[in-house]
C-alpha atoms as a PDB file:
ATOM      1  CA  MET A   1      48.291 169.805 -12.761  1.00  0.00           C
ATOM      2  CA  ASN A   2      47.588 168.590 -16.244  1.00  0.00           C
ATOM      3  CA  ASP A   3      45.590 165.338 -16.225  1.00  0.00           C
ATOM      4  CA  THR A   4      47.838 163.900 -18.934  1.00  0.00           C
ATOM      5  CA  HIS A   5      50.664 163.686 -16.364  1.00  0.00           C
ATOM      6  CA  HIS A   6      48.875 161.222 -14.060  1.00  0.00           C
ATOM      7  CA  ASP A   7      50.659 158.227 -15.591  1.00  0.00           C
ATOM      8  CA  ARG A   8      54.120 159.808 -15.331  1.00  0.00           C
ATOM      9  CA  PRO A   9      56.679 159.172 -12.569  1.00  0.00           C
ATOM     10  CA  GLU A  10      56.056 161.059  -9.337  1.00  0.00           C
ATOM     11  CA  GLY A  11      59.152 163.254  -9.800  1.00  0.00           C
ATOM     12  CA  PHE A  12      57.980 164.291 -13.255  1.00  0.00           C
ATOM     13  CA  GLN A  13      54.568 165.172 -11.827  1.00  0.00           C
ATOM     14  CA  ARG A  14      56.141 167.336  -9.082  1.00  0.00           C
ATOM     15  CA  VAL A  15      58.274 169.247 -11.599  1.00  0.00           C
ATOM     16  CA  ALA A  16      55.312 169.722 -13.959  1.00  0.00           C
ATOM     17  CA  ALA A  17      53.128 170.987 -11.109  1.00  0.00           C
ATOM     18  CA  ARG A  18      55.782 173.415  -9.855  1.00  0.00           C
ATOM     19  CA  LEU A  19      56.460 174.798 -13.329  1.00  0.00           C
ATOM     20  CA  ALA A  20      52.717 175.321 -13.828  1.00  0.00           C
ATOM     21  CA  GLU A  21      52.465 176.995 -10.418  1.00  0.00           C
ATOM     22  CA  LEU A  22      55.275 179.369 -11.405  1.00  0.00           C
ATOM     23  CA  LYS A  23      53.503 179.996 -14.723  1.00  0.00           C
ATOM     24  CA  HIS A  24      56.524 178.770 -16.673  1.00  0.00           C
ATOM     25  CA  PRO A  25      55.769 179.005 -20.409  1.00  0.00           C
ATOM     26  CA  HIS A  26      56.887 175.424 -21.154  1.00  0.00           C
ATOM     27  CA  ALA A  27      55.800 172.131 -19.641  1.00  0.00           C
ATOM     28  CA  PRO A  28      58.320 169.308 -19.283  1.00  0.00           C
ATOM     29  CA  GLN A  29      58.253 166.669 -22.004  1.00  0.00           C
ATOM     30  CA  PHE A  30      58.353 162.972 -21.261  1.00  0.00           C
ATOM     31  CA  LEU A  31      59.927 160.624 -23.800  1.00  0.00           C
ATOM     32  CA  GLY A  32      57.747 157.646 -24.615  1.00  0.00           C
ATOM     33  CA  THR A  33      60.795 155.765 -25.876  1.00  0.00           C
ATOM     34  CA  ALA A  34      64.200 155.168 -24.359  1.00  0.00           C
ATOM     35  CA  ALA A  35      66.928 157.614 -25.310  1.00  0.00           C
ATOM     36  CA  ARG A  36      70.405 156.454 -24.403  1.00  0.00           C
ATOM     37  CA  THR A  37      72.127 159.572 -25.699  1.00  0.00           C
ATOM     38  CA  ALA A  38      71.326 163.255 -25.902  1.00  0.00           C
ATOM     39  CA  GLN A  39      71.273 162.907 -29.702  1.00  0.00           C
ATOM     40  CA  GLU A  40      68.625 160.163 -29.480  1.00  0.00           C
ATOM     41  CA  ALA A  41      66.521 162.389 -27.196  1.00  0.00           C
ATOM     42  CA  ALA A  42      66.866 165.295 -29.629  1.00  0.00           C
ATOM     43  CA  ASP A  43      65.833 163.066 -32.529  1.00  0.00           C
ATOM     44  CA  VAL A  44      62.741 161.785 -30.672  1.00  0.00           C
ATOM     45  CA  LEU A  45      61.700 165.318 -29.689  1.00  0.00           C
ATOM     46  CA  GLY A  46      62.512 166.804 -33.077  1.00  0.00           C
ATOM     47  CA  VAL A  47      64.895 169.421 -31.680  1.00  0.00           C
ATOM     48  CA  SER A  48      68.594 170.166 -32.085  1.00  0.00           C
ATOM     49  CA  LEU A  49      71.190 168.517 -29.872  1.00  0.00           C
ATOM     50  CA  GLY A  50      71.976 171.878 -28.261  1.00  0.00           C
ATOM     51  CA  GLN A  51      68.425 172.087 -26.918  1.00  0.00           C
ATOM     52  CA  ILE A  52      68.831 168.970 -24.784  1.00  0.00           C
ATOM     53  CA  ALA A  53      69.904 169.472 -21.171  1.00  0.00           C
ATOM     54  CA  LYS A  54      72.519 166.945 -20.173  1.00  0.00           C
ATOM     55  CA  SER A  55      72.615 167.954 -16.528  1.00  0.00           C
ATOM     56  CA  VAL A  56      70.558 169.954 -14.074  1.00  0.00           C
ATOM     57  CA  ILE A  57      71.597 171.749 -10.896  1.00  0.00           C
ATOM     58  CA  PHE A  58      69.193 171.559  -7.962  1.00  0.00           C
ATOM     59  CA  ARG A  59      69.342 173.717  -4.826  1.00  0.00           C
ATOM     60  CA  ARG A  60      68.942 171.755  -1.588  1.00  0.00           C
ATOM     61  CA  LYS A  61      66.566 173.676   0.708  1.00  0.00           C
ATOM     62  CA  SER A  62      68.093 172.512   3.991  1.00  0.00           C
ATOM     63  CA  ASP A  63      71.479 174.176   3.460  1.00  0.00           C
ATOM     64  CA  ASP A  64      71.246 175.929   0.070  1.00  0.00           C
ATOM     65  CA  VAL A  65      73.906 173.642  -1.445  1.00  0.00           C
ATOM     66  CA  ALA A  66      73.981 173.144  -5.216  1.00  0.00           C
ATOM     67  CA  VAL A  67      73.442 169.491  -6.147  1.00  0.00           C
ATOM     68  CA  PRO A  68      74.328 168.529  -9.736  1.00  0.00           C
ATOM     69  CA  ALA A  69      72.354 165.714 -11.335  1.00  0.00           C
ATOM     70  CA  LEU A  70      73.197 164.015 -14.611  1.00  0.00           C
ATOM     71  CA  LEU A  71      70.219 163.299 -16.807  1.00  0.00           C
ATOM     72  CA  PHE A  72      69.705 159.996 -18.593  1.00  0.00           C
ATOM     73  CA  GLN A  73      70.572 158.206 -15.351  1.00  0.00           C
ATOM     74  CA  GLN A  74      68.182 157.296 -12.570  1.00  0.00           C
ATOM     75  CA  ILE A  75      69.151 159.264  -9.489  1.00  0.00           C
ATOM     76  CA  SER A  76      68.085 158.322  -5.996  1.00  0.00           C
ATOM     77  CA  PRO A  77      66.549 161.331  -4.221  1.00  0.00           C
ATOM     78  CA  ALA A  78      67.645 160.034  -0.800  1.00  0.00           C
ATOM     79  CA  PRO A  79      71.033 161.824  -0.603  1.00  0.00           C
ATOM     80  CA  VAL A  80      69.647 165.013  -2.114  1.00  0.00           C
ATOM     81  CA  GLY A  81      66.508 165.491  -0.056  1.00  0.00           C
ATOM     82  CA  GLN A  82      63.771 167.812  -1.251  1.00  0.00           C
ATOM     83  CA  ALA A  83      65.084 170.135  -3.968  1.00  0.00           C
ATOM     84  CA  SER A  84      63.545 173.555  -4.491  1.00  0.00           C
ATOM     85  CA  LEU A  85      62.445 174.709  -7.911  1.00  0.00           C
ATOM     86  CA  GLY A  86      61.738 178.228  -6.713  1.00  0.00           C
END
């Protein structure tokens, strides 16, 4: 894992490590400032609004159920369990 991720939240570190393990061409980006809207996130990152994911679908390993998660909200991992990125 990239040493620059050591100060990031544990979930961010797990995603970054898994993407690196899978040799994904892009590392996740962490906003150093709060973004309350997708437009604010796009402005901070210098990308278009259409490049900002507003939700993500995880696959729960235990029963292969799709679990939608809205971004820009803190989500408790307790009801979801361990999601698979593979």
